[in-house]
Each structure stands twice: as C-alpha cells, then as structure tokens.
C-alpha cells in the first residue's frame, strides 16, 4: 500500500531546483548575502503580487507581526484583539510588545473571527485588531472596517497562511486591505522558502520607512550603518531565501489552482456523518483542508493504518496555552476550543496524484 504524504516540497519544486541552485551559487561567488538586489527584487515582486505599494522582507512571519505592532508605537497595556484560534505567534507578538491581548471566539462553521463577538470586545482601549486568515481562508476585513469606522484602530492582517487569498466583499488580495499584511514563508507554506523567512506589506509610506528601520536594528541611513534612531531588531530577509522565493513565486498561482481543485473534489466527494467540513470562502487558497470529528483519535489511527499522513492545526486554542491559561480561565471560547479538539488537516499537496486523492476520500468515507 503506497503512502500519501502530507506535503512533499521536493516533488513540488523539482522543476526549478537547478535554477535555484545556480542562482545561489552565483550569489555566493559574488559575495552577496545581506539586503542585496535579490531581496529588493523579491520585495518588489511580492508587492506587485499582493497589489500593495510596499513590501519589506523580514526574517520570519512571527517577526512580521511583532514589527507591525512595534511600528504603531502603542502604549503599555493598550488592547489588541486577536482570535482565540490561531497559531501562538499571533499572541506572542502582542505580549512581546507589552500590549494586552483580548481574545474573540471564531464562528461555529469556519475558522474566521466572529464579528458579532468582536463588536462586543471593541472599546476605547482597543488600538489594533489582528485578523487571521487561518488555513488560507480570508477574514471579513471589509465588514470589520465598517465596525471600527471613525475609531483610531489599526488592522493587521495575519496572512501567514493566505498568500494570494482574495477577500470576498472587497475582492482584494489579503495583505492589501488592512494597515499591514504579515506573511510567513516557512517551508510548508503555500509560498515557502527553504528556511525561515517572512515579509510585511503596506500601502503607507510612513509605515514602510519605519518597518525598514526596525527590521535592520534601527538603521535609518544606509550610508551611516553605525548609527540608529529607534530601537530595532535584527530581522532581515536572507538573500538565499529571497532567491528561492523569487523562483517559487512564479509558480504560486498555478499551485494555488491545484489546491483549489483538490479542495473541490474533497468538498463534493467526502460524505461521512462522523465528519464535519468547514465552510471556506470562495477566495480561500487552502493552505490546509481541515475537517472536524468527535472521534479524532480513532480517525488518526485509521489514517495511519492506511498510510495517509495528516496534520492537526492546532490542538490548543489560545486561551488554553500555558502562557495565558490563568488569565482566561473564567472565559470560554467554545467554537475555538471545539475546533482545537476535533480538527484534522487532510493532505492537499498540489503535487498529489488523482489516485492519492481518491484514496484519501475512500479512507475518510469508510472510517
């Protein structure tokens, strides 16, 4: 019985390996490593891809979130709203800026922040909302903008899993709708480097210049690298990763179409009363295809028996992380907790063959 891999980066990138290796070799020979033309090229290319004015490469997606909040120069304990179901980096970026995280539950049927619950949490201490496009499913930023109209509240898009996703109401690409778009290029992402990498998109020249300074240890004048004007961090996009990303960006739309094709087959062919499928927006790019089941342990055992790899994204809701569990012990986030307890991510590798897709469907339906 052949194994179905969860995600095979080697197979996906085989056609461009030689091109990437030649360009990396050339960069090494030319002694070009930090903030080179290759980095600037990627920043320009990705900005164009997202339809934004500016893009700044940083070391990883977590730093993208941290730097975006730092750019706002908020006061200690100012409130930042985040969904109760996301990866822990969203929370850590708030805490590391000495700000107060405020959690909001997600919808019952999908992974997006619940706007009815969000409205209850907005107050005069709210300074920012981090909208997470979890699993590549675009959040309702257009509606959130209406909720905060006239208020001094910034929107940060956590688009770490949503490269190229399109928001339903504005028909705009994520990363171009809020004040900041934060992307991760961790190897397993839809657009993945061969190590850690990330970027921030924005349409604000003021934010763009400040982000550039913060990511480069506060340097504000490239001609005078010894000086700095703000407290920055060392979070530059590596040249070798920029080379990889520039080549892989050319294939992203093609690979996204393949993900969408697989998701449509799953949507129509998976039929099991023990399985609950999430509702995804039309503009979703399916970083993960997540289902829910009350009998997750049994399903995992069955998938292993049939040699099908899987993922769990994520097994702990934010309110139950040890770091903040005491703070939120008296507050329940039922939809986030249910998703954490029941979620399983099925293979949605763009390089999957049709017989592998059929095997996943047959296995899920027979469990």
Foldseek 3Di string as FASTA:
>chain_A
DDFADQADLCVVCVVCVVVLVVVVVVCVVVVHKFPDVLQVVLQVVLCVQQVAPTKAKWQFLLVQLLLLVVLVVDDAAQEEEEELADDCSNVVSQVVVNYHYDYAFCDQFADWGDPVRVLVPDDLSAAEYETECPQQFDYQVVVVCVSQPPHNYFYEYSCQQHRQFAHDPVRGGPQERTQKYKYWQPQLHLQHFPHTIIMMGHRDPSSNQSSNLQCLQQDNDPVCSVDHDDGHDPIHGISSRSSSRVVVVVCSVVLLVLLVVLLVCCVVQQDAPQKRFHDGDPRGSRSWGKIFGPPQVVLVVLCVVVNFDKDQRAQGGNCCDPVNVVVCVPPDRVSSNRSNNTMMTGRRHSPDDPVSSVSSRVSNRVD
